[in-house]
Amino acid sequence: MGLIMAILLGVAISGIILLWQRYPILGLIVGTSMFVTLLTAIFVGTTIPFIMDFLGFDPALALGFLHNYNYRYYRTFYIFLYGFNYD
């Protein structure tokens, strides 16, 4: 379900930017960034609580780590993708 959501949102964002800005590279960059960010958030958000539960910790304690990780990863990946297309 998460993979389908990531694909649909990435394609939707790419399409919106393509129609709005008429700049296909920007749509590709933002759509790809959204896709990878959602996949990473879904993967990390499901595995870290299971690992913490397995280790005997409260899985709710992972929320701060997950939020911080997702935010930093998204910003870094977006800047990384934009750097390849910077004129």
PDB file of N, CA and C in Angstrom:
ATOM      1  N   MET A   1       0.811  -1.186   0.000  1.00  0.00           N
ATOM      2  CA  MET A   1       0.000   0.000   0.000  1.00  0.00           C
ATOM      3  C   MET A   1       0.862   1.260   0.000  1.00  0.00           C
ATOM      4  N   GLY A   2       1.955   1.233   0.752  1.00  0.00           N
ATOM      5  CA  GLY A   2       2.839   2.392   0.811  1.00  0.00           C
ATOM      6  C   GLY A   2       3.527   2.654  -0.512  1.00  0.00           C
ATOM      7  N   LEU A   3       3.897   1.591  -1.220  1.00  0.00           N
ATOM      8  CA  LEU A   3       4.541   1.747  -2.528  1.00  0.00           C
ATOM      9  C   LEU A   3       3.577   2.379  -3.523  1.00  0.00           C
ATOM     10  N   ILE A   4       2.338   1.957  -3.493  1.00  0.00           N
ATOM     11  CA  ILE A   4       1.331   2.528  -4.390  1.00  0.00           C
ATOM     12  C   ILE A   4       1.127   4.006  -4.070  1.00  0.00           C
ATOM     13  N   MET A   5       1.071   4.341  -2.792  1.00  0.00           N
ATOM     14  CA  MET A   5       0.896   5.735  -2.406  1.00  0.00           C
ATOM     15  C   MET A   5       2.092   6.580  -2.844  1.00  0.00           C
ATOM     16  N   ALA A   6       3.305   6.052  -2.698  1.00  0.00           N
ATOM     17  CA  ALA A   6       4.495   6.790  -3.100  1.00  0.00           C
ATOM     18  C   ALA A   6       4.507   7.017  -4.613  1.00  0.00           C
ATOM     19  N   ILE A   7       4.158   6.003  -5.373  1.00  0.00           N
ATOM     20  CA  ILE A   7       4.131   6.142  -6.831  1.00  0.00           C
ATOM     21  C   ILE A   7       3.076   7.160  -7.250  1.00  0.00           C
ATOM     22  N   LEU A   8       1.865   7.029  -6.714  1.00  0.00           N
ATOM     23  CA  LEU A   8       0.794   7.945  -7.091  1.00  0.00           C
ATOM     24  C   LEU A   8       1.111   9.394  -6.718  1.00  0.00           C
ATOM     25  N   LEU A   9       1.649   9.598  -5.538  1.00  0.00           N
ATOM     26  CA  LEU A   9       1.964  10.954  -5.115  1.00  0.00           C
ATOM     27  C   LEU A   9       3.119  11.534  -5.925  1.00  0.00           C
ATOM     28  N   GLY A  10       4.134  10.734  -6.216  1.00  0.00           N
ATOM     29  CA  GLY A  10       5.245  11.207  -7.036  1.00  0.00           C
ATOM     30  C   GLY A  10       4.796  11.594  -8.431  1.00  0.00           C
ATOM     31  N   VAL A  11       3.947  10.769  -9.045  1.00  0.00           N
ATOM     32  CA  VAL A  11       3.432  11.070 -10.382  1.00  0.00           C
ATOM     33  C   VAL A  11       2.510  12.287 -10.344  1.00  0.00           C
ATOM     34  N   ALA A  12       1.673  12.379  -9.323  1.00  0.00           N
ATOM     35  CA  ALA A  12       0.759  13.515  -9.213  1.00  0.00           C
ATOM     36  C   ALA A  12       1.519  14.831  -9.047  1.00  0.00           C
ATOM     37  N   ILE A  13       2.509  14.846  -8.181  1.00  0.00           N
ATOM     38  CA  ILE A  13       3.299  16.060  -7.972  1.00  0.00           C
ATOM     39  C   ILE A  13       4.049  16.430  -9.247  1.00  0.00           C
ATOM     40  N   SER A  14       4.610  15.435  -9.931  1.00  0.00           N
ATOM     41  CA  SER A  14       5.305  15.709 -11.196  1.00  0.00           C
ATOM     42  C   SER A  14       4.353  16.303 -12.221  1.00  0.00           C
ATOM     43  N   GLY A  15       3.158  15.746 -12.322  1.00  0.00           N
ATOM     44  CA  GLY A  15       2.166  16.252 -13.272  1.00  0.00           C
ATOM     45  C   GLY A  15       1.709  17.665 -12.950  1.00  0.00           C
ATOM     46  N   ILE A  16       1.494  17.937 -11.679  1.00  0.00           N
ATOM     47  CA  ILE A  16       1.061  19.273 -11.270  1.00  0.00           C
ATOM     48  C   ILE A  16       2.130  20.305 -11.601  1.00  0.00           C
ATOM     49  N   ILE A  17       3.369  19.991 -11.299  1.00  0.00           N
ATOM     50  CA  ILE A  17       4.448  20.928 -11.585  1.00  0.00           C
ATOM     51  C   ILE A  17       4.639  21.092 -13.086  1.00  0.00           C
ATOM     52  N   LEU A  18       4.502  20.017 -13.833  1.00  0.00           N
ATOM     53  CA  LEU A  18       4.630  20.110 -15.291  1.00  0.00           C
ATOM     54  C   LEU A  18       3.546  21.017 -15.872  1.00  0.00           C
ATOM     55  N   LEU A  19       2.316  20.879 -15.409  1.00  0.00           N
ATOM     56  CA  LEU A  19       1.231  21.725 -15.902  1.00  0.00           C
ATOM     57  C   LEU A  19       1.344  23.165 -15.402  1.00  0.00           C
ATOM     58  N   TRP A  20       1.826  23.324 -14.195  1.00  0.00           N
ATOM     59  CA  TRP A  20       1.863  24.639 -13.575  1.00  0.00           C
ATOM     60  C   TRP A  20       3.066  25.458 -14.045  1.00  0.00           C
ATOM     61  N   GLN A  21       4.255  24.849 -14.050  1.00  0.00           N
ATOM     62  CA  GLN A  21       5.482  25.570 -14.370  1.00  0.00           C
ATOM     63  C   GLN A  21       5.975  25.351 -15.796  1.00  0.00           C
ATOM     64  N   ARG A  22       5.491  24.334 -16.459  1.00  0.00           N
ATOM     65  CA  ARG A  22       5.947  23.974 -17.807  1.00  0.00           C
ATOM     66  C   ARG A  22       7.465  23.743 -17.843  1.00  0.00           C
ATOM     67  N   TYR A  23       7.946  23.109 -16.804  1.00  0.00           N
ATOM     68  CA  TYR A  23       9.375  22.812 -16.678  1.00  0.00           C
ATOM     69  C   TYR A  23       9.505  21.347 -16.269  1.00  0.00           C
ATOM     70  N   PRO A  24       9.662  20.441 -17.247  1.00  0.00           N
ATOM     71  CA  PRO A  24       9.606  19.010 -16.929  1.00  0.00           C
ATOM     72  C   PRO A  24      10.709  18.523 -15.993  1.00  0.00           C
ATOM     73  N   ILE A  25      11.878  19.136 -16.057  1.00  0.00           N
ATOM     74  CA  ILE A  25      12.970  18.694 -15.182  1.00  0.00           C
ATOM     75  C   ILE A  25      12.632  18.972 -13.714  1.00  0.00           C
ATOM     76  N   LEU A  26      12.048  20.123 -13.448  1.00  0.00           N
ATOM     77  CA  LEU A  26      11.648  20.439 -12.076  1.00  0.00           C
ATOM     78  C   LEU A  26      10.593  19.454 -11.576  1.00  0.00           C
ATOM     79  N   GLY A  27       9.635  19.122 -12.443  1.00  0.00           N
ATOM     80  CA  GLY A  27       8.629  18.131 -12.065  1.00  0.00           C
ATOM     81  C   GLY A  27       9.243  16.779 -11.778  1.00  0.00           C
ATOM     82  N   LEU A  28      10.216  16.384 -12.587  1.00  0.00           N
ATOM     83  CA  LEU A  28      10.901  15.110 -12.375  1.00  0.00           C
ATOM     84  C   LEU A  28      11.685  15.120 -11.066  1.00  0.00           C
ATOM     85  N   ILE A  29      12.340  16.230 -10.780  1.00  0.00           N
ATOM     86  CA  ILE A  29      13.139  16.332  -9.556  1.00  0.00           C
ATOM     87  C   ILE A  29      12.245  16.254  -8.322  1.00  0.00           C
ATOM     88  N   VAL A  30      11.191  17.049  -8.301  1.00  0.00           N
ATOM     89  CA  VAL A  30      10.312  17.078  -7.123  1.00  0.00           C
ATOM     90  C   VAL A  30       9.533  15.768  -6.989  1.00  0.00           C
ATOM     91  N   GLY A  31       9.067  15.214  -8.116  1.00  0.00           N
ATOM     92  CA  GLY A  31       8.341  13.948  -8.076  1.00  0.00           C
ATOM     93  C   GLY A  31       9.212  12.798  -7.601  1.00  0.00           C
ATOM     94  N   THR A  32      10.447  12.744  -8.100  1.00  0.00           N
ATOM     95  CA  THR A  32      11.383  11.699  -7.666  1.00  0.00           C
ATOM     96  C   THR A  32      11.736  11.866  -6.200  1.00  0.00           C
ATOM     97  N   SER A  33      11.952  13.097  -5.793  1.00  0.00           N
ATOM     98  CA  SER A  33      12.259  13.359  -4.390  1.00  0.00           C
ATOM     99  C   SER A  33      11.106  12.932  -3.481  1.00  0.00           C
ATOM    100  N   MET A  34       9.887  13.232  -3.888  1.00  0.00           N
ATOM    101  CA  MET A  34       8.717  12.844  -3.094  1.00  0.00           C
ATOM    102  C   MET A  34       8.590  11.324  -3.035  1.00  0.00           C
ATOM    103  N   PHE A  35       8.814  10.657  -4.153  1.00  0.00           N
ATOM    104  CA  PHE A  35       8.733   9.198  -4.210  1.00  0.00           C
ATOM    105  C   PHE A  35       9.756   8.549  -3.277  1.00  0.00           C
ATOM    106  N   VAL A  36      11.014   8.973  -3.383  1.00  0.00           N
ATOM    107  CA  VAL A  36      12.075   8.374  -2.564  1.00  0.00           C
ATOM    108  C   VAL A  36      11.869   8.695  -1.086  1.00  0.00           C
ATOM    109  N   THR A  37      11.436   9.909  -0.808  1.00  0.00           N
ATOM    110  CA  THR A  37      11.197  10.295   0.587  1.00  0.00           C
ATOM    111  C   THR A  37      10.084   9.464   1.210  1.00  0.00           C
ATOM    112  N   LEU A  38       8.998   9.274   0.482  1.00  0.00           N
ATOM    113  CA  LEU A  38       7.899   8.465   1.016  1.00  0.00           C
ATOM    114  C   LEU A  38       8.308   7.014   1.200  1.00  0.00           C
ATOM    115  N   LEU A  39       9.055   6.459   0.242  1.00  0.00           N
ATOM    116  CA  LEU A  39       9.521   5.078   0.413  1.00  0.00           C
ATOM    117  C   LEU A  39      10.421   4.940   1.632  1.00  0.00           C
ATOM    118  N   THR A  40      11.318   5.907   1.816  1.00  0.00           N
ATOM    119  CA  THR A  40      12.208   5.864   2.969  1.00  0.00           C
ATOM    120  C   THR A  40      11.423   5.994   4.270  1.00  0.00           C
ATOM    121  N   ALA A  41      10.472   6.928   4.295  1.00  0.00           N
ATOM    122  CA  ALA A  41       9.674   7.121   5.508  1.00  0.00           C
ATOM    123  C   ALA A  41       8.848   5.881   5.831  1.00  0.00           C
ATOM    124  N   ILE A  42       8.304   5.255   4.814  1.00  0.00           N
ATOM    125  CA  ILE A  42       7.507   4.045   5.039  1.00  0.00           C
ATOM    126  C   ILE A  42       8.386   2.914   5.558  1.00  0.00           C
ATOM    127  N   PHE A  43       9.544   2.732   4.948  1.00  0.00           N
ATOM    128  CA  PHE A  43      10.441   1.655   5.364  1.00  0.00           C
ATOM    129  C   PHE A  43      10.952   1.871   6.786  1.00  0.00           C
ATOM    130  N   VAL A  44      11.468   3.067   7.051  1.00  0.00           N
ATOM    131  CA  VAL A  44      12.019   3.352   8.374  1.00  0.00           C
ATOM    132  C   VAL A  44      10.910   3.377   9.425  1.00  0.00           C
ATOM    133  N   GLY A  45       9.750   3.924   9.054  1.00  0.00           N
ATOM    134  CA  GLY A  45       8.646   4.023   9.996  1.00  0.00           C
ATOM    135  C   GLY A  45       8.047   2.684  10.387  1.00  0.00           C
ATOM    136  N   THR A  46       8.244   1.665   9.561  1.00  0.00           N
ATOM    137  CA  THR A  46       7.736   0.346   9.928  1.00  0.00           C
ATOM    138  C   THR A  46       8.798  -0.545  10.552  1.00  0.00           C
ATOM    139  N   THR A  47      10.047  -0.359  10.194  1.00  0.00           N
ATOM    140  CA  THR A  47      11.080  -1.250  10.728  1.00  0.00           C
ATOM    141  C   THR A  47      11.607  -0.816  12.093  1.00  0.00           C
ATOM    142  N   ILE A  48      11.781   0.485  12.318  1.00  0.00           N
ATOM    143  CA  ILE A  48      12.351   0.940  13.591  1.00  0.00           C
ATOM    144  C   ILE A  48      11.482   0.547  14.791  1.00  0.00           C
ATOM    145  N   PRO A  49      10.159   0.735  14.759  1.00  0.00           N
ATOM    146  CA  PRO A  49       9.376   0.280  15.921  1.00  0.00           C
ATOM    147  C   PRO A  49       9.463  -1.231  16.165  1.00  0.00           C
ATOM    148  N   PHE A  50       9.512  -2.027  15.100  1.00  0.00           N
ATOM    149  CA  PHE A  50       9.671  -3.475  15.289  1.00  0.00           C
ATOM    150  C   PHE A  50      11.018  -3.807  15.911  1.00  0.00           C
ATOM    151  N   ILE A  51      12.053  -3.129  15.477  1.00  0.00           N
ATOM    152  CA  ILE A  51      13.388  -3.369  16.041  1.00  0.00           C
ATOM    153  C   ILE A  51      13.422  -2.949  17.505  1.00  0.00           C
ATOM    154  N   MET A  52      12.833  -1.790  17.810  1.00  0.00           N
ATOM    155  CA  MET A  52      12.823  -1.339  19.206  1.00  0.00           C
ATOM    156  C   MET A  52      12.015  -2.284  20.090  1.00  0.00           C
ATOM    157  N   ASP A  53      10.911  -2.794  19.580  1.00  0.00           N
ATOM    158  CA  ASP A  53      10.117  -3.762  20.341  1.00  0.00           C
ATOM    159  C   ASP A  53      10.901  -5.046  20.554  1.00  0.00           C
ATOM    160  N   PHE A  54      11.624  -5.466  19.533  1.00  0.00           N
ATOM    161  CA  PHE A  54      12.441  -6.676  19.649  1.00  0.00           C
ATOM    162  C   PHE A  54      13.542  -6.499  20.693  1.00  0.00           C
ATOM    163  N   LEU A  55      14.102  -5.289  20.779  1.00  0.00           N
ATOM    164  CA  LEU A  55      15.165  -5.025  21.744  1.00  0.00           C
ATOM    165  C   LEU A  55      14.636  -4.742  23.148  1.00  0.00           C
ATOM    166  N   GLY A  56      13.320  -4.644  23.297  1.00  0.00           N
ATOM    167  CA  GLY A  56      12.734  -4.458  24.620  1.00  0.00           C
ATOM    168  C   GLY A  56      12.441  -3.017  24.980  1.00  0.00           C
ATOM    169  N   PHE A  57      12.557  -2.097  24.035  1.00  0.00           N
ATOM    170  CA  PHE A  57      12.257  -0.689  24.289  1.00  0.00           C
ATOM    171  C   PHE A  57      10.838  -0.369  23.849  1.00  0.00           C
ATOM    172  N   ASP A  58      10.337   0.748  24.334  1.00  0.00           N
ATOM    173  CA  ASP A  58       9.003   1.199  23.948  1.00  0.00           C
ATOM    174  C   ASP A  58       9.047   1.729  22.513  1.00  0.00           C
ATOM    175  N   PRO A  59       8.276   1.171  21.582  1.00  0.00           N
ATOM    176  CA  PRO A  59       8.324   1.628  20.192  1.00  0.00           C
ATOM    177  C   PRO A  59       7.909   3.086  20.005  1.00  0.00           C
ATOM    178  N   ALA A  60       7.141   3.638  20.932  1.00  0.00           N
ATOM    179  CA  ALA A  60       6.723   5.034  20.809  1.00  0.00           C
ATOM    180  C   ALA A  60       7.894   6.000  20.947  1.00  0.00           C
ATOM    181  N   LEU A  61       8.982   5.547  21.554  1.00  0.00           N
ATOM    182  CA  LEU A  61      10.159   6.406  21.702  1.00  0.00           C
ATOM    183  C   LEU A  61      10.849   6.685  20.363  1.00  0.00           C
ATOM    184  N   ALA A  62      10.529   5.919  19.350  1.00  0.00           N
ATOM    185  CA  ALA A  62      11.170   6.092  18.042  1.00  0.00           C
ATOM    186  C   ALA A  62      10.614   7.285  17.281  1.00  0.00           C
ATOM    187  N   LEU A  63       9.540   7.894  17.730  1.00  0.00           N
ATOM    188  CA  LEU A  63       8.899   8.970  16.985  1.00  0.00           C
ATOM    189  C   LEU A  63       9.824  10.151  16.742  1.00  0.00           C
ATOM    190  N   GLY A  64      10.537  10.588  17.748  1.00  0.00           N
ATOM    191  CA  GLY A  64      11.444  11.727  17.584  1.00  0.00           C
ATOM    192  C   GLY A  64      12.539  11.436  16.577  1.00  0.00           C
ATOM    193  N   PHE A  65      13.102  10.252  16.654  1.00  0.00           N
ATOM    194  CA  PHE A  65      14.146   9.856  15.709  1.00  0.00           C
ATOM    195  C   PHE A  65      13.602   9.794  14.291  1.00  0.00           C
ATOM    196  N   LEU A  66      12.436   9.206  14.124  1.00  0.00           N
ATOM    197  CA  LEU A  66      11.866   9.059  12.780  1.00  0.00           C
ATOM    198  C   LEU A  66      11.539  10.402  12.157  1.00  0.00           C
ATOM    199  N   HIS A  67      10.976  11.297  12.926  1.00  0.00           N
ATOM    200  CA  HIS A  67      10.629  12.618  12.400  1.00  0.00           C
ATOM    201  C   HIS A  67      11.890  13.366  11.975  1.00  0.00           C
ATOM    202  N   ASN A  68      12.892  13.358  12.811  1.00  0.00           N
ATOM    203  CA  ASN A  68      14.141  14.048  12.518  1.00  0.00           C
ATOM    204  C   ASN A  68      14.828  13.436  11.304  1.00  0.00           C
ATOM    205  N   TYR A  69      14.869  12.119  11.216  1.00  0.00           N
ATOM    206  CA  TYR A  69      15.518  11.437  10.106  1.00  0.00           C
ATOM    207  C   TYR A  69      14.816  11.744   8.784  1.00  0.00           C
ATOM    208  N   ASN A  70      13.508  11.665   8.760  1.00  0.00           N
ATOM    209  CA  ASN A  70      12.765  11.898   7.536  1.00  0.00           C
ATOM    210  C   ASN A  70      12.933  13.336   7.052  1.00  0.00           C
ATOM    211  N   TYR A  71      12.881  14.285   7.957  1.00  0.00           N
ATOM    212  CA  TYR A  71      13.025  15.688   7.585  1.00  0.00           C
ATOM    213  C   TYR A  71      14.394  15.953   6.988  1.00  0.00           C
ATOM    214  N   ARG A  72      15.431  15.486   7.628  1.00  0.00           N
ATOM    215  CA  ARG A  72      16.795  15.720   7.131  1.00  0.00           C
ATOM    216  C   ARG A  72      17.048  14.980   5.823  1.00  0.00           C
ATOM    217  N   TYR A  73      16.546  13.776   5.711  1.00  0.00           N
ATOM    218  CA  TYR A  73      16.758  13.003   4.482  1.00  0.00           C
ATOM    219  C   TYR A  73      16.057  13.655   3.300  1.00  0.00           C
ATOM    220  N   TYR A  74      14.845  14.133   3.512  1.00  0.00           N
ATOM    221  CA  TYR A  74      14.091  14.769   2.437  1.00  0.00           C
ATOM    222  C   TYR A  74      14.806  16.011   1.946  1.00  0.00           C
ATOM    223  N   ARG A  75      15.233  16.879   2.851  1.00  0.00           N
ATOM    224  CA  ARG A  75      15.940  18.093   2.446  1.00  0.00           C
ATOM    225  C   ARG A  75      17.222  17.772   1.714  1.00  0.00           C
ATOM    226  N   THR A  76      17.996  16.837   2.224  1.00  0.00           N
ATOM    227  CA  THR A  76      19.259  16.485   1.598  1.00  0.00           C
ATOM    228  C   THR A  76      19.054  15.892   0.216  1.00  0.00           C
ATOM    229  N   PHE A  77      18.097  15.004   0.077  1.00  0.00           N
ATOM    230  CA  PHE A  77      17.855  14.376  -1.217  1.00  0.00           C
ATOM    231  C   PHE A  77      17.352  15.382  -2.235  1.00  0.00           C
ATOM    232  N   TYR A  78      16.503  16.306  -1.833  1.00  0.00           N
ATOM    233  CA  TYR A  78      15.977  17.319  -2.740  1.00  0.00           C
ATOM    234  C   TYR A  78      17.098  18.228  -3.235  1.00  0.00           C
ATOM    235  N   ILE A  79      17.966  18.667  -2.335  1.00  0.00           N
ATOM    236  CA  ILE A  79      19.087  19.516  -2.721  1.00  0.00           C
ATOM    237  C   ILE A  79      20.056  18.739  -3.608  1.00  0.00           C
ATOM    238  N   PHE A  80      20.274  17.474  -3.314  1.00  0.00           N
ATOM    239  CA  PHE A  80      21.144  16.622  -4.122  1.00  0.00           C
ATOM    240  C   PHE A  80      20.613  16.499  -5.551  1.00  0.00           C
ATOM    241  N   LEU A  81      19.318  16.256  -5.713  1.00  0.00           N
ATOM    242  CA  LEU A  81      18.749  16.140  -7.047  1.00  0.00           C
ATOM    243  C   LEU A  81      18.791  17.465  -7.795  1.00  0.00           C
ATOM    244  N   TYR A  82      18.529  18.552  -7.115  1.00  0.00           N
ATOM    245  CA  TYR A  82      18.530  19.857  -7.766  1.00  0.00           C
ATOM    246  C   TYR A  82      19.942  20.246  -8.197  1.00  0.00           C
ATOM    247  N   GLY A  83      20.949  19.808  -7.456  1.00  0.00           N
ATOM    248  CA  GLY A  83      22.329  20.135  -7.789  1.00  0.00           C
ATOM    249  C   GLY A  83      22.768  19.580  -9.129  1.00  0.00           C
ATOM    250  N   PHE A  84      22.185  18.495  -9.573  1.00  0.00           N
ATOM    251  CA  PHE A  84      22.542  17.933 -10.871  1.00  0.00           C
ATOM    252  C   PHE A  84      21.989  18.754 -12.029  1.00  0.00           C
ATOM    253  N   ASN A  85      20.971  19.547 -11.777  1.00  0.00           N
ATOM    254  CA  ASN A  85      20.338  20.307 -12.841  1.00  0.00           C
ATOM    255  C   ASN A  85      20.599  21.800 -12.720  1.00  0.00           C
ATOM    256  N   TYR A  86      21.436  22.202 -11.803  1.00  0.00           N
ATOM    257  CA  TYR A  86      21.674  23.627 -11.586  1.00  0.00           C
ATOM    258  C   TYR A  86      22.462  24.213 -12.736  1.00  0.00           C
ATOM    259  N   ASP A  87      21.937  25.289 -13.329  1.00  0.00           N
ATOM    260  CA  ASP A  87      22.621  25.920 -14.480  1.00  0.00           C
ATOM    261  C   ASP A  87      23.596  26.960 -14.026  1.00  0.00           C
TER     262      ASP A  87
END
